[in-house]
């Protein structure tokens, strides 16, 4: 009855190299940095520069899609004229882009 079951013996156990785990982790981190982190940091820096450069008379588009002309700029807020005698006050960070002059009157 013993001849159907054979004993299992370990074949030459090898010691795992610690760098075999570390190298793939470094490659994955590098890929995430260049694909996700670095472009996002560049985008944030560009938006911060845009917000810092806002001035009265700029025509802007907000994150909500509102198109208007800046009438007043304070440290954290801007006043945007969106129509005749219609001015809204909003945070500077909600400005998504400065559009070319004449865009508001053409819209």
PDB file of N, CA and C in Angstrom:
ATOM      1  N   UNK A   1       0.811  -1.183   0.000  1.00  0.00           N
ATOM      2  CA  UNK A   1       0.000   0.000   0.000  1.00  0.00           C
ATOM      3  C   UNK A   1       0.863   1.259   0.000  1.00  0.00           C
ATOM      4  N   UNK A   2       2.049   1.206   0.514  1.00  0.00           N
ATOM      5  CA  UNK A   2       2.953   2.337   0.595  1.00  0.00           C
ATOM      6  C   UNK A   2       3.527   2.741  -0.756  1.00  0.00           C
ATOM      7  N   UNK A   3       3.477   1.906  -1.736  1.00  0.00           N
ATOM      8  CA  UNK A   3       4.121   2.224  -3.009  1.00  0.00           C
ATOM      9  C   UNK A   3       3.353   3.256  -3.833  1.00  0.00           C
ATOM     10  N   UNK A   4       2.084   3.596  -3.492  1.00  0.00           N
ATOM     11  CA  UNK A   4       1.339   4.624  -4.205  1.00  0.00           C
ATOM     12  C   UNK A   4       1.667   6.052  -3.710  1.00  0.00           C
ATOM     13  N   UNK A   5       2.129   6.145  -2.491  1.00  0.00           N
ATOM     14  CA  UNK A   5       2.438   7.449  -1.903  1.00  0.00           C
ATOM     15  C   UNK A   5       3.947   7.586  -1.804  1.00  0.00           C
ATOM     16  N   UNK A   6       4.445   8.644  -2.435  1.00  0.00           N
ATOM     17  CA  UNK A   6       5.892   8.858  -2.343  1.00  0.00           C
ATOM     18  C   UNK A   6       6.162  10.034  -1.423  1.00  0.00           C
ATOM     19  N   UNK A   7       7.299  10.018  -0.812  1.00  0.00           N
ATOM     20  CA  UNK A   7       7.674  11.105   0.096  1.00  0.00           C
ATOM     21  C   UNK A   7       8.086  12.340  -0.712  1.00  0.00           C
ATOM     22  N   UNK A   8       7.686  13.506  -0.244  1.00  0.00           N
ATOM     23  CA  UNK A   8       8.046  14.758  -0.898  1.00  0.00           C
ATOM     24  C   UNK A   8       9.231  15.357  -0.158  1.00  0.00           C
ATOM     25  N   UNK A   9      10.286  15.647  -0.893  1.00  0.00           N
ATOM     26  CA  UNK A   9      11.476  16.253  -0.308  1.00  0.00           C
ATOM     27  C   UNK A   9      11.683  17.635  -0.935  1.00  0.00           C
ATOM     28  N   UNK A  10      12.135  18.560  -0.134  1.00  0.00           N
ATOM     29  CA  UNK A  10      12.394  19.917  -0.619  1.00  0.00           C
ATOM     30  C   UNK A  10      13.578  19.885  -1.573  1.00  0.00           C
ATOM     31  N   UNK A  11      13.415  20.608  -2.674  1.00  0.00           N
ATOM     32  CA  UNK A  11      14.515  20.686  -3.631  1.00  0.00           C
ATOM     33  C   UNK A  11      15.312  21.941  -3.345  1.00  0.00           C
ATOM     34  N   UNK A  12      16.524  21.858  -3.138  1.00  0.00           N
ATOM     35  CA  UNK A  12      17.478  22.944  -2.930  1.00  0.00           C
ATOM     36  C   UNK A  12      16.860  24.276  -2.576  1.00  0.00           C
ATOM     37  N   UNK A  13      16.502  24.503  -1.326  1.00  0.00           N
ATOM     38  CA  UNK A  13      15.921  25.778  -0.887  1.00  0.00           C
ATOM     39  C   UNK A  13      16.927  26.904  -1.124  1.00  0.00           C
ATOM     40  N   UNK A  14      16.424  28.021  -1.707  1.00  0.00           N
ATOM     41  CA  UNK A  14      17.312  29.141  -2.013  1.00  0.00           C
ATOM     42  C   UNK A  14      16.996  30.317  -1.103  1.00  0.00           C
ATOM     43  N   UNK A  15      17.996  31.089  -0.802  1.00  0.00           N
ATOM     44  CA  UNK A  15      17.836  32.285   0.012  1.00  0.00           C
ATOM     45  C   UNK A  15      17.346  33.419  -0.895  1.00  0.00           C
ATOM     46  N   UNK A  16      16.260  34.117  -0.512  1.00  0.00           N
ATOM     47  CA  UNK A  16      15.701  35.187  -1.329  1.00  0.00           C
ATOM     48  C   UNK A  16      16.604  36.418  -1.241  1.00  0.00           C
ATOM     49  N   UNK A  17      16.850  37.035  -2.379  1.00  0.00           N
ATOM     50  CA  UNK A  17      17.655  38.247  -2.439  1.00  0.00           C
ATOM     51  C   UNK A  17      16.787  39.426  -2.023  1.00  0.00           C
ATOM     52  N   UNK A  18      17.200  40.247  -1.044  1.00  0.00           N
ATOM     53  CA  UNK A  18      16.357  41.361  -0.590  1.00  0.00           C
ATOM     54  C   UNK A  18      16.131  42.412  -1.683  1.00  0.00           C
ATOM     55  N   UNK A  19      17.021  42.557  -2.632  1.00  0.00           N
ATOM     56  CA  UNK A  19      16.868  43.536  -3.702  1.00  0.00           C
ATOM     57  C   UNK A  19      15.884  43.083  -4.775  1.00  0.00           C
ATOM     58  N   UNK A  20      15.553  41.799  -4.796  1.00  0.00           N
ATOM     59  CA  UNK A  20      14.587  41.319  -5.780  1.00  0.00           C
ATOM     60  C   UNK A  20      13.188  41.870  -5.496  1.00  0.00           C
ATOM     61  N   UNK A  21      12.925  42.253  -4.272  1.00  0.00           N
ATOM     62  CA  UNK A  21      11.650  42.880  -3.916  1.00  0.00           C
ATOM     63  C   UNK A  21      11.746  44.396  -4.020  1.00  0.00           C
ATOM     64  N   UNK A  22      12.878  44.962  -3.661  1.00  0.00           N
ATOM     65  CA  UNK A  22      13.052  46.407  -3.626  1.00  0.00           C
ATOM     66  C   UNK A  22      13.078  47.030  -5.018  1.00  0.00           C
ATOM     67  N   UNK A  23      13.694  46.394  -5.961  1.00  0.00           N
ATOM     68  CA  UNK A  23      13.814  46.941  -7.315  1.00  0.00           C
ATOM     69  C   UNK A  23      12.453  47.150  -7.993  1.00  0.00           C
ATOM     70  N   UNK A  24      11.554  46.173  -8.007  1.00  0.00           N
ATOM     71  CA  UNK A  24      10.236  46.422  -8.611  1.00  0.00           C
ATOM     72  C   UNK A  24       9.455  47.537  -7.904  1.00  0.00           C
ATOM     73  N   UNK A  25       9.601  47.646  -6.580  1.00  0.00           N
ATOM     74  CA  UNK A  25       8.918  48.710  -5.850  1.00  0.00           C
ATOM     75  C   UNK A  25       9.444  50.083  -6.275  1.00  0.00           C
ATOM     76  N   UNK A  26      10.744  50.209  -6.462  1.00  0.00           N
ATOM     77  CA  UNK A  26      11.323  51.469  -6.921  1.00  0.00           C
ATOM     78  C   UNK A  26      10.862  51.808  -8.333  1.00  0.00           C
ATOM     79  N   UNK A  27      10.760  50.836  -9.179  1.00  0.00           N
ATOM     80  CA  UNK A  27      10.290  51.060 -10.551  1.00  0.00           C
ATOM     81  C   UNK A  27       8.831  51.516 -10.547  1.00  0.00           C
ATOM     82  N   UNK A  28       8.003  50.888  -9.726  1.00  0.00           N
ATOM     83  CA  UNK A  28       6.590  51.266  -9.636  1.00  0.00           C
ATOM     84  C   UNK A  28       6.453  52.688  -9.092  1.00  0.00           C
ATOM     85  N   UNK A  29       7.228  53.025  -8.044  1.00  0.00           N
ATOM     86  CA  UNK A  29       7.181  54.376  -7.494  1.00  0.00           C
ATOM     87  C   UNK A  29       7.632  55.398  -8.538  1.00  0.00           C
ATOM     88  N   UNK A  30       8.679  55.088  -9.269  1.00  0.00           N
ATOM     89  CA  UNK A  30       9.150  55.998 -10.322  1.00  0.00           C
ATOM     90  C   UNK A  30       8.099  56.210 -11.393  1.00  0.00           C
ATOM     91  N   UNK A  31       7.409  55.154 -11.775  1.00  0.00           N
ATOM     92  CA  UNK A  31       6.356  55.272 -12.783  1.00  0.00           C
ATOM     93  C   UNK A  31       5.216  56.148 -12.268  1.00  0.00           C
ATOM     94  N   UNK A  32       4.792  55.933 -11.021  1.00  0.00           N
ATOM     95  CA  UNK A  32       3.733  56.763 -10.454  1.00  0.00           C
ATOM     96  C   UNK A  32       4.158  58.229 -10.383  1.00  0.00           C
ATOM     97  N   UNK A  33       5.416  58.462 -10.039  1.00  0.00           N
ATOM     98  CA  UNK A  33       5.891  59.839  -9.940  1.00  0.00           C
ATOM     99  C   UNK A  33       5.800  60.536 -11.295  1.00  0.00           C
ATOM    100  N   UNK A  34       6.304  59.898 -12.339  1.00  0.00           N
ATOM    101  CA  UNK A  34       6.335  60.546 -13.649  1.00  0.00           C
ATOM    102  C   UNK A  34       4.987  60.551 -14.354  1.00  0.00           C
ATOM    103  N   UNK A  35       4.095  59.636 -14.015  1.00  0.00           N
ATOM    104  CA  UNK A  35       2.793  59.575 -14.683  1.00  0.00           C
ATOM    105  C   UNK A  35       1.733  60.379 -13.932  1.00  0.00           C
ATOM    106  N   UNK A  36       1.775  60.380 -12.605  1.00  0.00           N
ATOM    107  CA  UNK A  36       0.710  61.027 -11.828  1.00  0.00           C
ATOM    108  C   UNK A  36       1.157  62.246 -11.033  1.00  0.00           C
ATOM    109  N   UNK A  37       2.184  62.115 -10.243  1.00  0.00           N
ATOM    110  CA  UNK A  37       2.545  63.158  -9.285  1.00  0.00           C
ATOM    111  C   UNK A  37       3.138  64.387  -9.963  1.00  0.00           C
ATOM    112  N   UNK A  38       4.111  64.199 -10.823  1.00  0.00           N
ATOM    113  CA  UNK A  38       4.800  65.329 -11.457  1.00  0.00           C
ATOM    114  C   UNK A  38       3.868  66.186 -12.327  1.00  0.00           C
ATOM    115  N   UNK A  39       3.045  65.585 -13.201  1.00  0.00           N
ATOM    116  CA  UNK A  39       2.128  66.423 -13.985  1.00  0.00           C
ATOM    117  C   UNK A  39       1.128  67.192 -13.115  1.00  0.00           C
ATOM    118  N   UNK A  40       0.660  66.575 -12.035  1.00  0.00           N
ATOM    119  CA  UNK A  40      -0.287  67.253 -11.154  1.00  0.00           C
ATOM    120  C   UNK A  40       0.378  68.435 -10.452  1.00  0.00           C
ATOM    121  N   UNK A  41       1.642  68.277 -10.032  1.00  0.00           N
ATOM    122  CA  UNK A  41       2.354  69.387  -9.401  1.00  0.00           C
ATOM    123  C   UNK A  41       2.552  70.538 -10.379  1.00  0.00           C
ATOM    124  N   UNK A  42       2.851  70.230 -11.631  1.00  0.00           N
ATOM    125  CA  UNK A  42       3.003  71.273 -12.646  1.00  0.00           C
ATOM    126  C   UNK A  42       1.688  72.022 -12.862  1.00  0.00           C
ATOM    127  N   UNK A  43       0.591  71.280 -12.903  1.00  0.00           N
ATOM    128  CA  UNK A  43      -0.728  71.885 -13.102  1.00  0.00           C
ATOM    129  C   UNK A  43      -1.090  72.794 -11.925  1.00  0.00           C
ATOM    130  N   UNK A  44      -0.820  72.357 -10.707  1.00  0.00           N
ATOM    131  CA  UNK A  44      -1.103  73.160  -9.525  1.00  0.00           C
ATOM    132  C   UNK A  44      -0.261  74.437  -9.514  1.00  0.00           C
ATOM    133  N   UNK A  45       0.993  74.327  -9.902  1.00  0.00           N
ATOM    134  CA  UNK A  45       1.874  75.485  -9.932  1.00  0.00           C
ATOM    135  C   UNK A  45       1.388  76.505 -10.973  1.00  0.00           C
ATOM    136  N   UNK A  46       0.981  76.017 -12.144  1.00  0.00           N
ATOM    137  CA  UNK A  46       0.478  76.908 -13.193  1.00  0.00           C
ATOM    138  C   UNK A  46      -0.798  77.616 -12.736  1.00  0.00           C
ATOM    139  N   UNK A  47      -1.691  76.914 -12.040  1.00  0.00           N
ATOM    140  CA  UNK A  47      -2.932  77.523 -11.554  1.00  0.00           C
ATOM    141  C   UNK A  47      -2.628  78.557 -10.477  1.00  0.00           C
ATOM    142  N   UNK A  48      -1.663  78.279  -9.601  1.00  0.00           N
ATOM    143  CA  UNK A  48      -1.287  79.240  -8.562  1.00  0.00           C
ATOM    144  C   UNK A  48      -0.727  80.516  -9.196  1.00  0.00           C
ATOM    145  N   UNK A  49       0.054  80.384 -10.260  1.00  0.00           N
ATOM    146  CA  UNK A  49       0.579  81.547 -10.966  1.00  0.00           C
ATOM    147  C   UNK A  49      -0.547  82.335 -11.629  1.00  0.00           C
ATOM    148  N   UNK A  50      -1.528  81.635 -12.194  1.00  0.00           N
ATOM    149  CA  UNK A  50      -2.674  82.291 -12.815  1.00  0.00           C
ATOM    150  C   UNK A  50      -3.445  83.102 -11.785  1.00  0.00           C
ATOM    151  N   UNK A  51      -3.724  82.500 -10.638  1.00  0.00           N
ATOM    152  CA  UNK A  51      -4.480  83.167  -9.579  1.00  0.00           C
ATOM    153  C   UNK A  51      -3.713  84.388  -9.066  1.00  0.00           C
ATOM    154  N   UNK A  52      -2.402  84.279  -8.934  1.00  0.00           N
ATOM    155  CA  UNK A  52      -1.600  85.397  -8.436  1.00  0.00           C
ATOM    156  C   UNK A  52      -1.544  86.557  -9.434  1.00  0.00           C
ATOM    157  N   UNK A  53      -1.722  86.257 -10.720  1.00  0.00           N
ATOM    158  CA  UNK A  53      -1.590  87.299 -11.737  1.00  0.00           C
ATOM    159  C   UNK A  53      -2.916  87.959 -12.126  1.00  0.00           C
ATOM    160  N   UNK A  54      -4.013  87.609 -11.470  1.00  0.00           N
ATOM    161  CA  UNK A  54      -5.310  88.203 -11.799  1.00  0.00           C
ATOM    162  C   UNK A  54      -5.318  89.690 -11.497  1.00  0.00           C
ATOM    163  N   UNK A  55      -5.903  90.466 -12.408  1.00  0.00           N
ATOM    164  CA  UNK A  55      -5.989  91.918 -12.202  1.00  0.00           C
ATOM    165  C   UNK A  55      -7.315  92.429 -12.753  1.00  0.00           C
ATOM    166  N   UNK A  56      -7.664  93.626 -12.355  1.00  0.00           N
ATOM    167  CA  UNK A  56      -8.900  94.256 -12.800  1.00  0.00           C
ATOM    168  C   UNK A  56      -8.887  94.407 -14.324  1.00  0.00           C
ATOM    169  N   UNK A  57     -10.014  94.060 -14.959  1.00  0.00           N
ATOM    170  CA  UNK A  57     -10.131  94.166 -16.411  1.00  0.00           C
ATOM    171  C   UNK A  57      -9.904  92.855 -17.134  1.00  0.00           C
ATOM    172  N   UNK A  58      -9.338  91.847 -16.449  1.00  0.00           N
ATOM    173  CA  UNK A  58      -9.141  90.532 -17.083  1.00  0.00           C
ATOM    174  C   UNK A  58     -10.495  89.875 -17.333  1.00  0.00           C
ATOM    175  N   UNK A  59     -10.621  89.238 -18.474  1.00  0.00           N
ATOM    176  CA  UNK A  59     -11.820  88.453 -18.766  1.00  0.00           C
ATOM    177  C   UNK A  59     -11.499  87.013 -18.403  1.00  0.00           C
ATOM    178  N   UNK A  60     -12.376  86.403 -17.596  1.00  0.00           N
ATOM    179  CA  UNK A  60     -12.080  85.092 -17.021  1.00  0.00           C
ATOM    180  C   UNK A  60     -13.239  84.116 -17.217  1.00  0.00           C
ATOM    181  N   UNK A  61     -12.887  82.855 -17.102  1.00  0.00           N
ATOM    182  CA  UNK A  61     -13.855  81.765 -17.101  1.00  0.00           C
ATOM    183  C   UNK A  61     -13.688  81.052 -15.768  1.00  0.00           C
ATOM    184  N   UNK A  62     -14.783  80.862 -15.037  1.00  0.00           N
ATOM    185  CA  UNK A  62     -14.708  80.213 -13.731  1.00  0.00           C
ATOM    186  C   UNK A  62     -14.815  78.699 -13.890  1.00  0.00           C
ATOM    187  N   UNK A  63     -14.545  78.006 -12.794  1.00  0.00           N
ATOM    188  CA  UNK A  63     -14.648  76.546 -12.795  1.00  0.00           C
ATOM    189  C   UNK A  63     -16.089  76.095 -13.047  1.00  0.00           C
ATOM    190  N   UNK A  64     -17.049  76.950 -12.712  1.00  0.00           N
ATOM    191  CA  UNK A  64     -18.459  76.632 -12.938  1.00  0.00           C
ATOM    192  C   UNK A  64     -18.946  76.997 -14.326  1.00  0.00           C
ATOM    193  N   UNK A  65     -18.078  77.580 -15.155  1.00  0.00           N
ATOM    194  CA  UNK A  65     -18.445  77.921 -16.515  1.00  0.00           C
ATOM    195  C   UNK A  65     -18.984  79.328 -16.689  1.00  0.00           C
ATOM    196  N   UNK A  66     -18.843  80.173 -15.687  1.00  0.00           N
ATOM    197  CA  UNK A  66     -19.323  81.550 -15.770  1.00  0.00           C
ATOM    198  C   UNK A  66     -18.246  82.401 -16.432  1.00  0.00           C
ATOM    199  N   UNK A  67     -18.658  83.183 -17.412  1.00  0.00           N
ATOM    200  CA  UNK A  67     -17.751  84.051 -18.151  1.00  0.00           C
ATOM    201  C   UNK A  67     -18.002  85.492 -17.713  1.00  0.00           C
ATOM    202  N   UNK A  68     -16.932  86.225 -17.373  1.00  0.00           N
ATOM    203  CA  UNK A  68     -17.127  87.597 -16.929  1.00  0.00           C
ATOM    204  C   UNK A  68     -15.833  88.374 -16.905  1.00  0.00           C
ATOM    205  N   UNK A  69     -15.954  89.630 -16.464  1.00  0.00           N
ATOM    206  CA  UNK A  69     -14.817  90.544 -16.388  1.00  0.00           C
ATOM    207  C   UNK A  69     -14.554  90.885 -14.928  1.00  0.00           C
ATOM    208  N   UNK A  70     -13.302  90.829 -14.516  1.00  0.00           N
ATOM    209  CA  UNK A  70     -12.942  91.146 -13.134  1.00  0.00           C
ATOM    210  C   UNK A  70     -13.051  92.650 -12.920  1.00  0.00           C
ATOM    211  N   UNK A  71     -13.797  93.036 -11.864  1.00  0.00           N
ATOM    212  CA  UNK A  71     -13.941  94.456 -11.536  1.00  0.00           C
ATOM    213  C   UNK A  71     -13.189  94.838 -10.274  1.00  0.00           C
ATOM    214  N   UNK A  72     -12.869  93.861  -9.412  1.00  0.00           N
ATOM    215  CA  UNK A  72     -12.142  94.151  -8.179  1.00  0.00           C
ATOM    216  C   UNK A  72     -11.386  92.896  -7.757  1.00  0.00           C
ATOM    217  N   UNK A  73     -10.173  93.105  -7.245  1.00  0.00           N
ATOM    218  CA  UNK A  73      -9.349  91.989  -6.781  1.00  0.00           C
ATOM    219  C   UNK A  73      -8.891  92.279  -5.361  1.00  0.00           C
ATOM    220  N   UNK A  74      -9.137  91.318  -4.444  1.00  0.00           N
ATOM    221  CA  UNK A  74      -8.612  91.403  -3.083  1.00  0.00           C
ATOM    222  C   UNK A  74      -7.675  90.222  -2.872  1.00  0.00           C
ATOM    223  N   UNK A  75      -7.249  90.029  -1.633  1.00  0.00           N
ATOM    224  CA  UNK A  75      -6.279  88.966  -1.360  1.00  0.00           C
ATOM    225  C   UNK A  75      -6.816  87.572  -1.702  1.00  0.00           C
ATOM    226  N   UNK A  76      -8.052  87.303  -1.332  1.00  0.00           N
ATOM    227  CA  UNK A  76      -8.613  85.967  -1.532  1.00  0.00           C
ATOM    228  C   UNK A  76      -9.807  85.931  -2.487  1.00  0.00           C
ATOM    229  N   UNK A  77     -10.367  87.093  -2.814  1.00  0.00           N
ATOM    230  CA  UNK A  77     -11.587  87.133  -3.607  1.00  0.00           C
ATOM    231  C   UNK A  77     -11.447  88.037  -4.822  1.00  0.00           C
ATOM    232  N   UNK A  78     -12.304  87.789  -5.810  1.00  0.00           N
ATOM    233  CA  UNK A  78     -12.424  88.672  -6.970  1.00  0.00           C
ATOM    234  C   UNK A  78     -13.901  88.975  -7.176  1.00  0.00           C
ATOM    235  N   UNK A  79     -14.168  90.160  -7.705  1.00  0.00           N
ATOM    236  CA  UNK A  79     -15.531  90.516  -8.078  1.00  0.00           C
ATOM    237  C   UNK A  79     -15.593  90.419  -9.595  1.00  0.00           C
ATOM    238  N   UNK A  80     -16.532  89.626 -10.100  1.00  0.00           N
ATOM    239  CA  UNK A  80     -16.643  89.376 -11.532  1.00  0.00           C
ATOM    240  C   UNK A  80     -17.985  89.899 -12.025  1.00  0.00           C
ATOM    241  N   UNK A  81     -17.933  90.776 -13.013  1.00  0.00           N
ATOM    242  CA  UNK A  81     -19.155  91.295 -13.625  1.00  0.00           C
ATOM    243  C   UNK A  81     -19.574  90.313 -14.712  1.00  0.00           C
ATOM    244  N   UNK A  82     -20.760  89.735 -14.532  1.00  0.00           N
ATOM    245  CA  UNK A  82     -21.242  88.722 -15.472  1.00  0.00           C
ATOM    246  C   UNK A  82     -22.329  89.258 -16.397  1.00  0.00           C
ATOM    247  N   UNK A  83     -22.802  90.429 -16.128  1.00  0.00           N
ATOM    248  CA  UNK A  83     -23.824  91.077 -16.958  1.00  0.00           C
ATOM    249  C   UNK A  83     -23.907  92.533 -16.543  1.00  0.00           C
ATOM    250  N   UNK A  84     -24.809  93.272 -17.181  1.00  0.00           N
ATOM    251  CA  UNK A  84     -24.973  94.677 -16.810  1.00  0.00           C
ATOM    252  C   UNK A  84     -25.442  94.777 -15.369  1.00  0.00           C
ATOM    253  N   UNK A  85     -24.679  95.499 -14.557  1.00  0.00           N
ATOM    254  CA  UNK A  85     -24.994  95.701 -13.138  1.00  0.00           C
ATOM    255  C   UNK A  85     -25.142  94.396 -12.358  1.00  0.00           C
ATOM    256  N   UNK A  86     -24.521  93.333 -12.814  1.00  0.00           N
ATOM    257  CA  UNK A  86     -24.559  92.063 -12.093  1.00  0.00           C
ATOM    258  C   UNK A  86     -23.121  91.652 -11.788  1.00  0.00           C
ATOM    259  N   UNK A  87     -22.763  91.778 -10.503  1.00  0.00           N
ATOM    260  CA  UNK A  87     -21.401  91.459 -10.066  1.00  0.00           C
ATOM    261  C   UNK A  87     -21.488  90.364  -9.013  1.00  0.00           C
ATOM    262  N   UNK A  88     -20.680  89.338  -9.186  1.00  0.00           N
ATOM    263  CA  UNK A  88     -20.618  88.264  -8.192  1.00  0.00           C
ATOM    264  C   UNK A  88     -19.223  88.254  -7.586  1.00  0.00           C
ATOM    265  N   UNK A  89     -19.165  87.933  -6.307  1.00  0.00           N
ATOM    266  CA  UNK A  89     -17.887  87.865  -5.611  1.00  0.00           C
ATOM    267  C   UNK A  89     -17.577  86.385  -5.394  1.00  0.00           C
ATOM    268  N   UNK A  90     -16.366  85.987  -5.748  1.00  0.00           N
ATOM    269  CA  UNK A  90     -15.988  84.573  -5.625  1.00  0.00           C
ATOM    270  C   UNK A  90     -14.528  84.446  -5.227  1.00  0.00           C
ATOM    271  N   UNK A  91     -14.166  83.252  -4.806  1.00  0.00           N
ATOM    272  CA  UNK A  91     -12.783  82.990  -4.440  1.00  0.00           C
ATOM    273  C   UNK A  91     -11.905  83.005  -5.688  1.00  0.00           C
ATOM    274  N   UNK A  92     -10.675  83.461  -5.515  1.00  0.00           N
ATOM    275  CA  UNK A  92      -9.738  83.504  -6.637  1.00  0.00           C
ATOM    276  C   UNK A  92      -9.472  82.102  -7.206  1.00  0.00           C
ATOM    277  N   UNK A  93      -9.439  81.110  -6.340  1.00  0.00           N
ATOM    278  CA  UNK A  93      -9.120  79.750  -6.767  1.00  0.00           C
ATOM    279  C   UNK A  93     -10.163  79.168  -7.713  1.00  0.00           C
ATOM    280  N   UNK A  94     -11.357  79.751  -7.749  1.00  0.00           N
ATOM    281  CA  UNK A  94     -12.394  79.220  -8.636  1.00  0.00           C
ATOM    282  C   UNK A  94     -12.251  79.724 -10.070  1.00  0.00           C
ATOM    283  N   UNK A  95     -11.297  80.604 -10.330  1.00  0.00           N
ATOM    284  CA  UNK A  95     -11.033  81.052 -11.699  1.00  0.00           C
ATOM    285  C   UNK A  95     -10.212  79.975 -12.384  1.00  0.00           C
ATOM    286  N   UNK A  96     -10.737  79.455 -13.500  1.00  0.00           N
ATOM    287  CA  UNK A  96     -10.020  78.372 -14.173  1.00  0.00           C
ATOM    288  C   UNK A  96      -9.104  78.865 -15.289  1.00  0.00           C
ATOM    289  N   UNK A  97      -9.471  79.972 -15.945  1.00  0.00           N
ATOM    290  CA  UNK A  97      -8.579  80.484 -16.986  1.00  0.00           C
ATOM    291  C   UNK A  97      -8.917  81.928 -17.322  1.00  0.00           C
ATOM    292  N   UNK A  98      -7.911  82.613 -17.842  1.00  0.00           N
ATOM    293  CA  UNK A  98      -8.098  83.969 -18.354  1.00  0.00           C
ATOM    294  C   UNK A  98      -8.291  83.819 -19.863  1.00  0.00           C
ATOM    295  N   UNK A  99      -9.379  84.391 -20.359  1.00  0.00           N
ATOM    296  CA  UNK A  99      -9.691  84.271 -21.790  1.00  0.00           C
ATOM    297  C   UNK A  99      -9.237  85.538 -22.511  1.00  0.00           C
ATOM    298  N   UNK A 100      -9.088  85.487 -23.836  1.00  0.00           N
ATOM    299  CA  UNK A 100      -8.654  86.665 -24.598  1.00  0.00           C
ATOM    300  C   UNK A 100      -9.658  87.824 -24.493  1.00  0.00           C
ATOM    301  N   UNK A 101      -9.128  89.031 -24.565  1.00  0.00           N
ATOM    302  CA  UNK A 101      -9.986  90.240 -24.511  1.00  0.00           C
ATOM    303  C   UNK A 101     -11.023  90.184 -25.630  1.00  0.00           C
ATOM    304  N   UNK A 102     -12.240  90.588 -25.310  1.00  0.00           N
ATOM    305  CA  UNK A 102     -13.318  90.595 -26.275  1.00  0.00           C
ATOM    306  C   UNK A 102     -14.166  89.344 -26.264  1.00  0.00           C
ATOM    307  N   UNK A 103     -13.792  88.342 -25.485  1.00  0.00           N
ATOM    308  CA  UNK A 103     -14.554  87.093 -25.430  1.00  0.00           C
ATOM    309  C   UNK A 103     -15.911  87.312 -24.777  1.00  0.00           C
ATOM    310  N   UNK A 104     -15.946  88.121 -23.721  1.00  0.00           N
ATOM    311  CA  UNK A 104     -17.204  88.359 -22.996  1.00  0.00           C
ATOM    312  C   UNK A 104     -18.192  89.088 -23.893  1.00  0.00           C
ATOM    313  N   UNK A 105     -17.744  90.090 -24.631  1.00  0.00           N
ATOM    314  CA  UNK A 105     -18.663  90.846 -25.492  1.00  0.00           C
ATOM    315  C   UNK A 105     -19.101  90.027 -26.697  1.00  0.00           C
ATOM    316  N   UNK A 106     -18.300  89.064 -27.116  1.00  0.00           N
ATOM    317  CA  UNK A 106     -18.653  88.222 -28.259  1.00  0.00           C
ATOM    318  C   UNK A 106     -19.618  87.109 -27.877  1.00  0.00           C
ATOM    319  N   UNK A 107     -19.679  86.776 -26.591  1.00  0.00           N
ATOM    320  CA  UNK A 107     -20.522  85.658 -26.153  1.00  0.00           C
ATOM    321  C   UNK A 107     -21.972  86.029 -26.042  1.00  0.00           C
TER     322      UNK A 107
END
